[in-house]
N, C-alpha and C. Protein backbone atom coordinates (compact mmCIF):
# COMPACT_ATOMS: atom_id res chain seq x y z
N UNK A 1 45.70 -81.29 -51.06
CA UNK A 1 45.14 -81.79 -49.81
C UNK A 1 45.16 -83.31 -49.87
N UNK A 2 45.67 -83.98 -48.83
CA UNK A 2 45.73 -85.44 -48.84
C UNK A 2 44.34 -86.07 -48.93
N UNK A 3 44.25 -87.17 -49.68
CA UNK A 3 42.96 -87.84 -49.92
C UNK A 3 42.30 -88.26 -48.61
N UNK A 4 43.09 -88.75 -47.66
CA UNK A 4 42.52 -89.19 -46.38
C UNK A 4 41.86 -88.03 -45.65
N UNK A 5 42.49 -86.89 -45.66
CA UNK A 5 41.92 -85.69 -45.02
C UNK A 5 40.64 -85.27 -45.75
N UNK A 6 40.67 -85.34 -47.08
CA UNK A 6 39.50 -84.94 -47.86
C UNK A 6 38.32 -85.86 -47.57
N UNK A 7 38.57 -87.17 -47.51
CA UNK A 7 37.49 -88.12 -47.20
C UNK A 7 36.87 -87.82 -45.85
N UNK A 8 37.67 -87.44 -44.88
CA UNK A 8 37.14 -87.10 -43.55
C UNK A 8 36.27 -85.85 -43.62
N UNK A 9 36.64 -84.89 -44.45
CA UNK A 9 35.87 -83.65 -44.56
C UNK A 9 34.50 -83.85 -45.20
N UNK A 10 34.37 -84.86 -46.05
CA UNK A 10 33.10 -85.05 -46.76
C UNK A 10 32.30 -86.24 -46.26
N UNK A 11 32.80 -86.96 -45.26
CA UNK A 11 32.13 -88.19 -44.80
C UNK A 11 30.71 -87.93 -44.29
N UNK A 12 30.55 -87.00 -43.38
CA UNK A 12 29.21 -86.75 -42.82
C UNK A 12 28.23 -86.19 -43.85
N UNK A 13 28.63 -85.20 -44.66
CA UNK A 13 27.70 -84.76 -45.70
C UNK A 13 27.32 -85.89 -46.66
N UNK A 14 28.25 -86.77 -46.98
CA UNK A 14 27.94 -87.90 -47.87
C UNK A 14 26.91 -88.82 -47.24
N UNK A 15 26.94 -88.94 -45.92
CA UNK A 15 25.98 -89.78 -45.18
C UNK A 15 24.55 -89.31 -45.42
N UNK A 16 24.37 -88.00 -45.59
CA UNK A 16 23.04 -87.43 -45.77
C UNK A 16 22.65 -87.28 -47.24
N UNK A 17 23.57 -87.53 -48.15
CA UNK A 17 23.28 -87.38 -49.56
C UNK A 17 23.40 -85.93 -50.00
N UNK A 18 23.56 -85.74 -51.29
CA UNK A 18 23.77 -84.41 -51.84
C UNK A 18 22.43 -83.82 -52.24
N UNK A 19 21.93 -82.93 -51.42
CA UNK A 19 20.62 -82.32 -51.65
C UNK A 19 20.53 -81.00 -50.89
N UNK A 20 19.58 -80.18 -51.28
CA UNK A 20 19.27 -78.96 -50.54
C UNK A 20 18.07 -79.27 -49.66
N UNK A 21 18.20 -79.10 -48.38
CA UNK A 21 17.12 -79.39 -47.43
C UNK A 21 16.14 -78.23 -47.40
N UNK A 22 14.85 -78.53 -47.67
CA UNK A 22 13.83 -77.49 -47.54
C UNK A 22 13.00 -77.69 -46.28
N UNK A 23 12.95 -78.91 -45.78
CA UNK A 23 12.30 -79.20 -44.50
C UNK A 23 13.27 -80.09 -43.73
N UNK A 24 13.82 -79.62 -42.61
CA UNK A 24 14.79 -80.42 -41.88
C UNK A 24 14.24 -81.79 -41.50
N UNK A 25 15.12 -82.78 -41.40
CA UNK A 25 14.69 -84.13 -41.02
C UNK A 25 13.91 -84.11 -39.71
N UNK A 26 12.97 -85.04 -39.63
CA UNK A 26 12.11 -85.10 -38.44
C UNK A 26 11.59 -86.51 -38.27
N UNK A 27 11.43 -86.94 -37.02
CA UNK A 27 10.72 -88.20 -36.80
C UNK A 27 9.22 -87.96 -37.03
N UNK A 28 8.52 -88.99 -37.50
CA UNK A 28 7.08 -88.85 -37.70
C UNK A 28 6.35 -88.85 -36.37
N UNK A 29 5.37 -87.97 -36.28
CA UNK A 29 4.51 -87.90 -35.09
C UNK A 29 3.69 -89.18 -35.01
N UNK A 30 3.49 -89.65 -33.80
CA UNK A 30 2.65 -90.83 -33.58
C UNK A 30 1.27 -90.57 -34.17
N UNK A 31 0.74 -91.56 -34.86
CA UNK A 31 -0.58 -91.43 -35.48
C UNK A 31 -0.52 -90.98 -36.93
N UNK A 32 0.68 -90.63 -37.42
CA UNK A 32 0.83 -90.29 -38.83
C UNK A 32 1.65 -91.39 -39.50
N UNK A 33 1.52 -91.48 -40.81
CA UNK A 33 2.25 -92.52 -41.54
C UNK A 33 3.11 -91.89 -42.63
N UNK A 34 4.03 -92.69 -43.13
CA UNK A 34 4.87 -92.24 -44.24
C UNK A 34 4.01 -91.94 -45.46
N UNK A 35 2.94 -92.70 -45.66
CA UNK A 35 2.03 -92.43 -46.79
C UNK A 35 1.33 -91.08 -46.62
N UNK A 36 0.93 -90.77 -45.39
CA UNK A 36 0.31 -89.46 -45.12
C UNK A 36 1.29 -88.33 -45.46
N UNK A 37 2.53 -88.50 -45.03
CA UNK A 37 3.56 -87.50 -45.30
C UNK A 37 3.78 -87.36 -46.80
N UNK A 38 3.87 -88.47 -47.49
CA UNK A 38 4.08 -88.46 -48.93
C UNK A 38 2.95 -87.71 -49.63
N UNK A 39 1.72 -87.93 -49.21
CA UNK A 39 0.58 -87.22 -49.80
C UNK A 39 0.67 -85.72 -49.57
N UNK A 40 1.10 -85.33 -48.38
CA UNK A 40 1.24 -83.90 -48.08
C UNK A 40 2.35 -83.27 -48.91
N UNK A 41 3.46 -83.98 -49.07
CA UNK A 41 4.56 -83.47 -49.91
C UNK A 41 4.09 -83.36 -51.36
N UNK A 42 3.34 -84.36 -51.83
CA UNK A 42 2.83 -84.33 -53.20
C UNK A 42 1.88 -83.15 -53.41
N UNK A 43 1.09 -82.82 -52.39
CA UNK A 43 0.17 -81.68 -52.50
C UNK A 43 0.95 -80.37 -52.60
N UNK A 44 2.02 -80.24 -51.84
CA UNK A 44 2.86 -79.04 -51.94
C UNK A 44 3.48 -78.97 -53.33
N UNK A 45 4.04 -80.08 -53.79
CA UNK A 45 4.68 -80.11 -55.11
C UNK A 45 3.70 -79.76 -56.22
N UNK A 46 2.49 -80.27 -56.13
CA UNK A 46 1.48 -80.02 -57.17
C UNK A 46 1.12 -78.53 -57.26
N UNK A 47 1.22 -77.83 -56.16
CA UNK A 47 0.86 -76.41 -56.13
C UNK A 47 1.99 -75.46 -56.47
N UNK A 48 3.14 -75.99 -56.81
CA UNK A 48 4.32 -75.16 -57.11
C UNK A 48 4.81 -75.43 -58.52
N UNK A 49 5.13 -74.39 -59.24
CA UNK A 49 5.71 -74.54 -60.57
C UNK A 49 7.23 -74.68 -60.44
N UNK A 50 7.84 -75.45 -61.35
CA UNK A 50 9.31 -75.52 -61.36
C UNK A 50 9.90 -74.12 -61.53
N UNK A 51 11.10 -73.94 -61.03
CA UNK A 51 11.81 -72.67 -61.18
C UNK A 51 13.29 -72.99 -61.28
N UNK A 52 14.09 -71.98 -61.44
CA UNK A 52 15.53 -72.20 -61.55
C UNK A 52 16.27 -71.26 -60.62
N UNK A 53 17.35 -71.77 -60.07
CA UNK A 53 18.28 -70.92 -59.33
C UNK A 53 19.19 -70.28 -60.38
N UNK A 54 19.53 -69.01 -60.22
CA UNK A 54 20.36 -68.34 -61.23
C UNK A 54 21.74 -68.98 -61.38
N UNK A 55 22.25 -69.55 -60.33
CA UNK A 55 23.55 -70.19 -60.33
C UNK A 55 23.92 -70.58 -58.91
N UNK A 56 25.02 -71.30 -58.77
CA UNK A 56 25.51 -71.72 -57.45
C UNK A 56 26.96 -71.30 -57.32
N UNK A 57 27.37 -71.08 -56.08
CA UNK A 57 28.77 -70.75 -55.81
C UNK A 57 29.22 -71.49 -54.56
N UNK A 58 30.50 -71.75 -54.46
CA UNK A 58 31.07 -72.32 -53.24
C UNK A 58 31.14 -71.19 -52.21
N UNK A 59 30.65 -71.46 -51.01
CA UNK A 59 30.66 -70.45 -49.96
C UNK A 59 30.83 -71.11 -48.60
N UNK A 60 31.34 -70.36 -47.68
CA UNK A 60 31.42 -70.83 -46.30
C UNK A 60 30.13 -70.42 -45.61
N UNK A 61 29.52 -71.36 -44.93
CA UNK A 61 28.28 -71.11 -44.19
C UNK A 61 28.57 -71.52 -42.76
N UNK A 62 28.82 -70.54 -41.91
CA UNK A 62 29.26 -70.87 -40.55
C UNK A 62 30.64 -71.48 -40.62
N UNK A 63 30.75 -72.73 -40.18
CA UNK A 63 32.07 -73.38 -40.15
C UNK A 63 32.27 -74.39 -41.27
N UNK A 64 31.26 -74.60 -42.12
CA UNK A 64 31.40 -75.60 -43.18
C UNK A 64 31.26 -74.93 -44.55
N UNK A 65 31.59 -75.68 -45.59
CA UNK A 65 31.46 -75.18 -46.95
C UNK A 65 30.27 -75.83 -47.63
N UNK A 66 29.65 -75.05 -48.52
CA UNK A 66 28.45 -75.51 -49.22
C UNK A 66 28.36 -74.82 -50.57
N UNK A 67 27.51 -75.37 -51.42
CA UNK A 67 27.10 -74.65 -52.62
C UNK A 67 25.89 -73.83 -52.24
N UNK A 68 25.89 -72.56 -52.62
CA UNK A 68 24.79 -71.64 -52.28
C UNK A 68 24.29 -70.96 -53.53
N UNK A 69 23.00 -70.62 -53.59
CA UNK A 69 22.49 -69.87 -54.73
C UNK A 69 23.15 -68.49 -54.82
N UNK A 70 23.39 -68.08 -56.05
CA UNK A 70 23.97 -66.77 -56.28
C UNK A 70 23.17 -66.09 -57.37
N UNK A 71 22.34 -65.09 -57.07
CA UNK A 71 22.00 -64.57 -55.74
C UNK A 71 21.01 -65.49 -55.03
N UNK A 72 20.65 -65.11 -53.79
CA UNK A 72 19.65 -65.87 -53.04
C UNK A 72 18.37 -65.99 -53.85
N UNK A 73 17.62 -67.04 -53.61
CA UNK A 73 16.41 -67.29 -54.38
C UNK A 73 15.17 -67.14 -53.51
N UNK A 74 14.34 -66.15 -53.83
CA UNK A 74 13.08 -65.97 -53.10
C UNK A 74 12.16 -67.16 -53.33
N UNK A 75 12.19 -67.74 -54.53
CA UNK A 75 11.34 -68.90 -54.83
C UNK A 75 11.73 -70.09 -53.96
N UNK A 76 13.02 -70.31 -53.76
CA UNK A 76 13.48 -71.43 -52.92
C UNK A 76 13.11 -71.17 -51.46
N UNK A 77 13.28 -69.94 -51.00
CA UNK A 77 12.92 -69.61 -49.62
C UNK A 77 11.43 -69.80 -49.39
N UNK A 78 10.61 -69.42 -50.36
CA UNK A 78 9.15 -69.59 -50.22
C UNK A 78 8.77 -71.07 -50.21
N UNK A 79 9.41 -71.86 -51.06
CA UNK A 79 9.15 -73.30 -51.07
C UNK A 79 9.53 -73.93 -49.73
N UNK A 80 10.69 -73.56 -49.22
CA UNK A 80 11.14 -74.10 -47.93
C UNK A 80 10.19 -73.70 -46.81
N UNK A 81 9.76 -72.45 -46.79
CA UNK A 81 8.84 -71.98 -45.74
C UNK A 81 7.51 -72.74 -45.82
N UNK A 82 7.02 -72.95 -47.03
CA UNK A 82 5.77 -73.70 -47.18
C UNK A 82 5.93 -75.14 -46.67
N UNK A 83 7.04 -75.76 -46.98
CA UNK A 83 7.28 -77.13 -46.51
C UNK A 83 7.35 -77.19 -44.98
N UNK A 84 8.04 -76.25 -44.38
CA UNK A 84 8.14 -76.22 -42.92
C UNK A 84 6.75 -76.07 -42.30
N UNK A 85 6.00 -75.12 -42.78
CA UNK A 85 4.67 -74.85 -42.19
C UNK A 85 3.68 -75.98 -42.44
N UNK A 86 3.59 -76.44 -43.67
CA UNK A 86 2.56 -77.42 -44.01
C UNK A 86 2.89 -78.84 -43.56
N UNK A 87 4.15 -79.12 -43.31
CA UNK A 87 4.53 -80.47 -42.88
C UNK A 87 4.76 -80.57 -41.38
N UNK A 88 4.59 -79.47 -40.67
CA UNK A 88 4.88 -79.48 -39.23
C UNK A 88 3.97 -80.41 -38.44
N UNK A 89 2.75 -80.63 -38.90
CA UNK A 89 1.84 -81.55 -38.20
C UNK A 89 2.35 -82.98 -38.19
N UNK A 90 3.31 -83.28 -39.05
CA UNK A 90 3.88 -84.63 -39.10
C UNK A 90 5.09 -84.79 -38.18
N UNK A 91 5.56 -83.68 -37.63
CA UNK A 91 6.80 -83.70 -36.83
C UNK A 91 6.56 -84.30 -35.46
N UNK A 92 7.28 -85.39 -35.18
CA UNK A 92 7.23 -86.01 -33.87
C UNK A 92 8.17 -85.31 -32.91
N UNK A 93 8.32 -85.88 -31.73
CA UNK A 93 9.21 -85.31 -30.71
C UNK A 93 10.64 -85.27 -31.26
N UNK A 94 11.22 -84.10 -31.22
CA UNK A 94 12.58 -83.93 -31.71
C UNK A 94 13.57 -84.09 -30.57
N UNK A 95 14.74 -84.60 -30.92
CA UNK A 95 15.85 -84.54 -29.98
C UNK A 95 16.29 -83.08 -29.97
N UNK A 96 16.38 -82.48 -28.83
CA UNK A 96 16.72 -81.06 -28.77
C UNK A 96 18.15 -80.81 -29.21
N UNK A 97 18.30 -79.84 -30.08
CA UNK A 97 19.60 -79.37 -30.53
C UNK A 97 20.16 -78.45 -29.45
N UNK A 98 21.45 -78.39 -29.37
CA UNK A 98 22.08 -77.44 -28.46
C UNK A 98 21.71 -76.03 -28.90
N UNK A 99 21.45 -75.18 -27.93
CA UNK A 99 21.13 -73.78 -28.24
C UNK A 99 22.38 -72.90 -28.22
N UNK A 100 23.52 -73.51 -27.94
CA UNK A 100 24.76 -72.75 -27.88
C UNK A 100 25.03 -72.09 -29.24
N UNK A 101 25.30 -70.81 -29.21
CA UNK A 101 25.61 -70.07 -30.42
C UNK A 101 24.40 -69.62 -31.22
N UNK A 102 23.20 -69.96 -30.78
CA UNK A 102 21.99 -69.55 -31.50
C UNK A 102 21.54 -68.17 -31.05
N UNK A 103 21.01 -67.42 -31.97
CA UNK A 103 20.44 -66.12 -31.63
C UNK A 103 19.10 -66.33 -30.94
N UNK A 104 18.56 -65.25 -30.38
CA UNK A 104 17.23 -65.32 -29.76
C UNK A 104 16.20 -65.80 -30.78
N UNK A 105 16.27 -65.25 -31.99
CA UNK A 105 15.32 -65.64 -33.05
C UNK A 105 15.46 -67.12 -33.40
N UNK A 106 16.68 -67.61 -33.51
CA UNK A 106 16.90 -69.02 -33.85
C UNK A 106 16.39 -69.94 -32.74
N UNK A 107 16.54 -69.53 -31.49
CA UNK A 107 15.98 -70.33 -30.38
C UNK A 107 14.46 -70.39 -30.48
N UNK A 108 13.84 -69.27 -30.82
CA UNK A 108 12.38 -69.23 -30.96
C UNK A 108 11.92 -70.13 -32.11
N UNK A 109 12.64 -70.09 -33.22
CA UNK A 109 12.29 -70.96 -34.35
C UNK A 109 12.45 -72.43 -33.98
N UNK A 110 13.51 -72.74 -33.26
CA UNK A 110 13.72 -74.12 -32.83
C UNK A 110 12.58 -74.58 -31.93
N UNK A 111 12.15 -73.73 -31.02
CA UNK A 111 11.06 -74.09 -30.12
C UNK A 111 9.75 -74.30 -30.88
N UNK A 112 9.50 -73.46 -31.87
CA UNK A 112 8.23 -73.55 -32.61
C UNK A 112 8.24 -74.61 -33.70
N UNK A 113 9.35 -74.71 -34.45
CA UNK A 113 9.38 -75.56 -35.65
C UNK A 113 10.33 -76.74 -35.55
N UNK A 114 11.05 -76.87 -34.43
CA UNK A 114 11.94 -78.01 -34.25
C UNK A 114 13.32 -77.85 -34.86
N UNK A 115 13.61 -76.68 -35.42
CA UNK A 115 14.91 -76.45 -36.06
C UNK A 115 15.14 -74.94 -36.12
N UNK A 116 16.37 -74.49 -35.86
CA UNK A 116 16.60 -73.05 -35.78
C UNK A 116 16.80 -72.32 -37.11
N UNK A 117 17.07 -73.06 -38.18
CA UNK A 117 17.43 -72.42 -39.44
C UNK A 117 16.33 -72.58 -40.48
N UNK A 118 15.14 -72.11 -40.14
CA UNK A 118 13.98 -72.16 -41.02
C UNK A 118 13.41 -70.75 -41.19
N UNK A 119 12.46 -70.62 -42.12
CA UNK A 119 11.77 -69.35 -42.38
C UNK A 119 12.78 -68.24 -42.66
N UNK A 120 12.79 -67.16 -41.89
CA UNK A 120 13.70 -66.05 -42.18
C UNK A 120 15.16 -66.38 -41.89
N UNK A 121 15.44 -67.49 -41.21
CA UNK A 121 16.82 -67.91 -40.96
C UNK A 121 17.28 -68.98 -41.96
N UNK A 122 16.41 -69.36 -42.91
CA UNK A 122 16.74 -70.36 -43.92
C UNK A 122 17.82 -69.84 -44.85
N UNK A 123 18.81 -70.64 -45.10
CA UNK A 123 19.86 -70.32 -46.06
C UNK A 123 20.01 -71.55 -46.95
N UNK A 124 19.47 -71.46 -48.16
CA UNK A 124 19.55 -72.59 -49.08
C UNK A 124 21.02 -72.97 -49.30
N UNK A 125 21.30 -74.26 -49.21
CA UNK A 125 22.67 -74.73 -49.43
C UNK A 125 22.69 -76.23 -49.69
N UNK A 126 23.74 -76.66 -50.33
CA UNK A 126 24.05 -78.08 -50.51
C UNK A 126 25.38 -78.30 -49.80
N UNK A 127 25.35 -78.98 -48.68
CA UNK A 127 26.52 -79.14 -47.83
C UNK A 127 27.62 -79.93 -48.54
N UNK A 128 28.84 -79.42 -48.45
CA UNK A 128 29.99 -80.08 -49.06
C UNK A 128 30.95 -80.67 -48.05
N UNK A 129 31.09 -80.04 -46.86
CA UNK A 129 32.11 -80.48 -45.91
C UNK A 129 31.57 -80.53 -44.49
N UNK A 130 32.34 -81.19 -43.66
CA UNK A 130 32.21 -81.10 -42.21
C UNK A 130 32.63 -79.68 -41.80
N UNK A 131 32.50 -79.32 -40.53
CA UNK A 131 33.12 -78.07 -40.09
C UNK A 131 34.62 -78.07 -40.41
N UNK A 132 35.11 -76.94 -40.86
CA UNK A 132 36.51 -76.79 -41.27
C UNK A 132 37.17 -75.77 -40.35
N UNK A 133 38.33 -76.14 -39.81
CA UNK A 133 39.08 -75.23 -38.95
C UNK A 133 39.45 -73.98 -39.73
N UNK A 134 39.47 -72.86 -39.04
CA UNK A 134 39.78 -71.56 -39.67
C UNK A 134 41.10 -71.63 -40.43
N UNK A 135 42.10 -72.28 -39.85
CA UNK A 135 43.42 -72.36 -40.50
C UNK A 135 43.37 -73.14 -41.81
N UNK A 136 42.45 -74.09 -41.93
CA UNK A 136 42.34 -74.91 -43.14
C UNK A 136 41.40 -74.33 -44.19
N UNK A 137 40.62 -73.33 -43.81
CA UNK A 137 39.57 -72.81 -44.69
C UNK A 137 40.09 -72.31 -46.05
N UNK A 138 41.18 -71.55 -46.12
CA UNK A 138 41.64 -71.08 -47.44
C UNK A 138 41.99 -72.23 -48.39
N UNK A 139 42.64 -73.26 -47.87
CA UNK A 139 43.01 -74.40 -48.72
C UNK A 139 41.76 -75.15 -49.18
N UNK A 140 40.82 -75.38 -48.28
CA UNK A 140 39.59 -76.08 -48.64
C UNK A 140 38.80 -75.27 -49.66
N UNK A 141 38.70 -73.97 -49.44
CA UNK A 141 38.00 -73.11 -50.40
C UNK A 141 38.65 -73.18 -51.78
N UNK A 142 39.96 -73.17 -51.82
CA UNK A 142 40.69 -73.24 -53.08
C UNK A 142 40.40 -74.55 -53.82
N UNK A 143 40.44 -75.66 -53.10
CA UNK A 143 40.17 -76.97 -53.71
C UNK A 143 38.74 -77.02 -54.24
N UNK A 144 37.79 -76.60 -53.42
CA UNK A 144 36.39 -76.65 -53.83
C UNK A 144 36.10 -75.72 -55.00
N UNK A 145 36.68 -74.54 -54.98
CA UNK A 145 36.46 -73.58 -56.06
C UNK A 145 37.00 -74.14 -57.38
N UNK A 146 38.16 -74.77 -57.34
CA UNK A 146 38.71 -75.39 -58.56
C UNK A 146 37.81 -76.53 -59.03
N UNK A 147 37.37 -77.37 -58.09
CA UNK A 147 36.54 -78.53 -58.44
C UNK A 147 35.21 -78.10 -59.05
N UNK A 148 34.60 -77.06 -58.50
CA UNK A 148 33.29 -76.61 -58.96
C UNK A 148 33.40 -75.40 -59.89
N UNK A 149 34.39 -75.38 -60.75
CA UNK A 149 34.60 -74.22 -61.61
C UNK A 149 33.90 -74.34 -62.96
N UNK A 150 33.22 -75.44 -63.24
CA UNK A 150 32.60 -75.65 -64.55
C UNK A 150 31.32 -74.87 -64.76
N UNK A 151 30.79 -75.00 -65.96
CA UNK A 151 29.58 -74.28 -66.36
C UNK A 151 28.33 -74.73 -65.62
N UNK A 152 28.29 -75.95 -65.10
CA UNK A 152 27.07 -76.48 -64.48
C UNK A 152 26.56 -75.60 -63.35
N UNK A 153 27.44 -74.94 -62.64
CA UNK A 153 27.02 -74.12 -61.50
C UNK A 153 26.68 -72.69 -61.88
N UNK A 154 26.97 -72.32 -63.10
CA UNK A 154 26.72 -70.94 -63.51
C UNK A 154 25.25 -70.69 -63.79
N UNK A 155 24.47 -71.73 -63.88
CA UNK A 155 23.03 -71.60 -64.00
C UNK A 155 22.55 -71.61 -65.43
N UNK A 156 21.27 -71.63 -65.60
CA UNK A 156 20.31 -71.82 -64.51
C UNK A 156 20.36 -73.25 -63.97
N UNK A 157 20.08 -73.38 -62.67
CA UNK A 157 20.04 -74.68 -62.01
C UNK A 157 18.58 -75.00 -61.73
N UNK A 158 18.01 -76.00 -62.41
CA UNK A 158 16.57 -76.26 -62.26
C UNK A 158 16.20 -76.81 -60.88
N UNK A 159 15.08 -76.34 -60.37
CA UNK A 159 14.45 -76.90 -59.18
C UNK A 159 13.09 -77.36 -59.66
N UNK A 160 12.96 -78.68 -59.89
CA UNK A 160 11.76 -79.19 -60.54
C UNK A 160 11.08 -80.32 -59.78
N UNK A 161 11.53 -80.58 -58.55
CA UNK A 161 10.92 -81.66 -57.77
C UNK A 161 11.24 -81.49 -56.30
N UNK A 162 10.44 -82.14 -55.47
CA UNK A 162 10.74 -82.32 -54.05
C UNK A 162 11.13 -83.78 -53.88
N UNK A 163 12.14 -84.02 -53.08
CA UNK A 163 12.58 -85.39 -52.83
C UNK A 163 12.25 -85.75 -51.39
N UNK A 164 11.69 -86.91 -51.22
CA UNK A 164 11.35 -87.42 -49.89
C UNK A 164 12.38 -88.48 -49.53
N UNK A 165 13.06 -88.27 -48.41
CA UNK A 165 14.10 -89.19 -47.95
C UNK A 165 13.65 -89.89 -46.67
N UNK A 166 14.28 -91.03 -46.39
CA UNK A 166 14.02 -91.75 -45.15
C UNK A 166 15.35 -92.15 -44.55
N UNK A 167 15.41 -92.09 -43.24
CA UNK A 167 16.58 -92.53 -42.49
C UNK A 167 16.06 -93.36 -41.33
N UNK A 168 16.20 -94.69 -41.40
CA UNK A 168 15.64 -95.55 -40.35
C UNK A 168 16.21 -95.26 -38.95
N UNK A 169 17.48 -94.88 -38.90
CA UNK A 169 18.11 -94.50 -37.63
C UNK A 169 19.28 -93.58 -37.98
N UNK A 170 19.82 -92.92 -36.98
CA UNK A 170 20.82 -91.89 -37.25
C UNK A 170 22.14 -92.43 -37.81
N UNK A 171 22.39 -93.72 -37.65
CA UNK A 171 23.65 -94.26 -38.18
C UNK A 171 23.52 -94.73 -39.62
N UNK A 172 22.30 -94.82 -40.12
CA UNK A 172 22.06 -95.27 -41.49
C UNK A 172 21.98 -94.07 -42.42
N UNK A 173 22.63 -94.15 -43.59
CA UNK A 173 22.53 -93.03 -44.53
C UNK A 173 21.09 -92.82 -45.00
N UNK A 174 20.81 -91.58 -45.39
CA UNK A 174 19.50 -91.28 -45.98
C UNK A 174 19.35 -92.10 -47.25
N UNK A 175 18.12 -92.49 -47.57
CA UNK A 175 17.87 -93.06 -48.89
C UNK A 175 16.64 -92.40 -49.49
N UNK A 176 16.69 -92.23 -50.79
CA UNK A 176 15.62 -91.57 -51.52
C UNK A 176 14.41 -92.48 -51.58
N UNK A 177 13.28 -91.98 -51.08
CA UNK A 177 12.02 -92.72 -51.15
C UNK A 177 11.33 -92.40 -52.47
N UNK A 178 11.23 -91.12 -52.78
CA UNK A 178 10.54 -90.71 -54.00
C UNK A 178 10.91 -89.28 -54.36
N UNK A 179 10.98 -89.05 -55.64
CA UNK A 179 11.19 -87.71 -56.19
C UNK A 179 9.85 -87.29 -56.79
N UNK A 180 9.27 -86.21 -56.27
CA UNK A 180 7.92 -85.79 -56.63
C UNK A 180 8.01 -84.49 -57.44
N UNK A 181 7.67 -84.54 -58.73
CA UNK A 181 7.81 -83.36 -59.59
C UNK A 181 6.94 -82.19 -59.13
N UNK A 182 7.47 -80.98 -59.30
CA UNK A 182 6.69 -79.77 -59.06
C UNK A 182 5.73 -79.55 -60.23
N UNK A 183 4.59 -78.92 -59.94
CA UNK A 183 3.64 -78.56 -60.99
C UNK A 183 2.57 -79.60 -61.24
């Protein structure tokens, strides 16, 4: 695969950094502060013990490729659900996502929580690519599978902290504010 094409496929995911999202990005609600949010995240982290994902695999999720737990992790899903629920009071007015292609359940989740892929629709993943055309998918899968063929993904993959990121505006890449250990 040509390097220029590859750079285009990973540009947007690189903008957001390599991480698994447990609480989708959100603007802060008026009257709340970043310090308040940090304290709430720290409280969640303090109440959770570190755990491990059994392993990761390259998988297609909708139209893009990602690393996904193999098998799915109930501990990760529970952590994500807790973050969504307990941090929702900090969520400011969201820019509405298009509802095109969303199921009835996903529309309801978006209306309640500001994002359609939370709670029972949560799929833990670390995004690797932009959307990939169906015709290009086999080649992209082959490249990614070869690249991620080492022992590091076979597990266990530790989950030992929550990371708090900030994005001043949508054109600026995310930056890590703090990594807060679990336990």
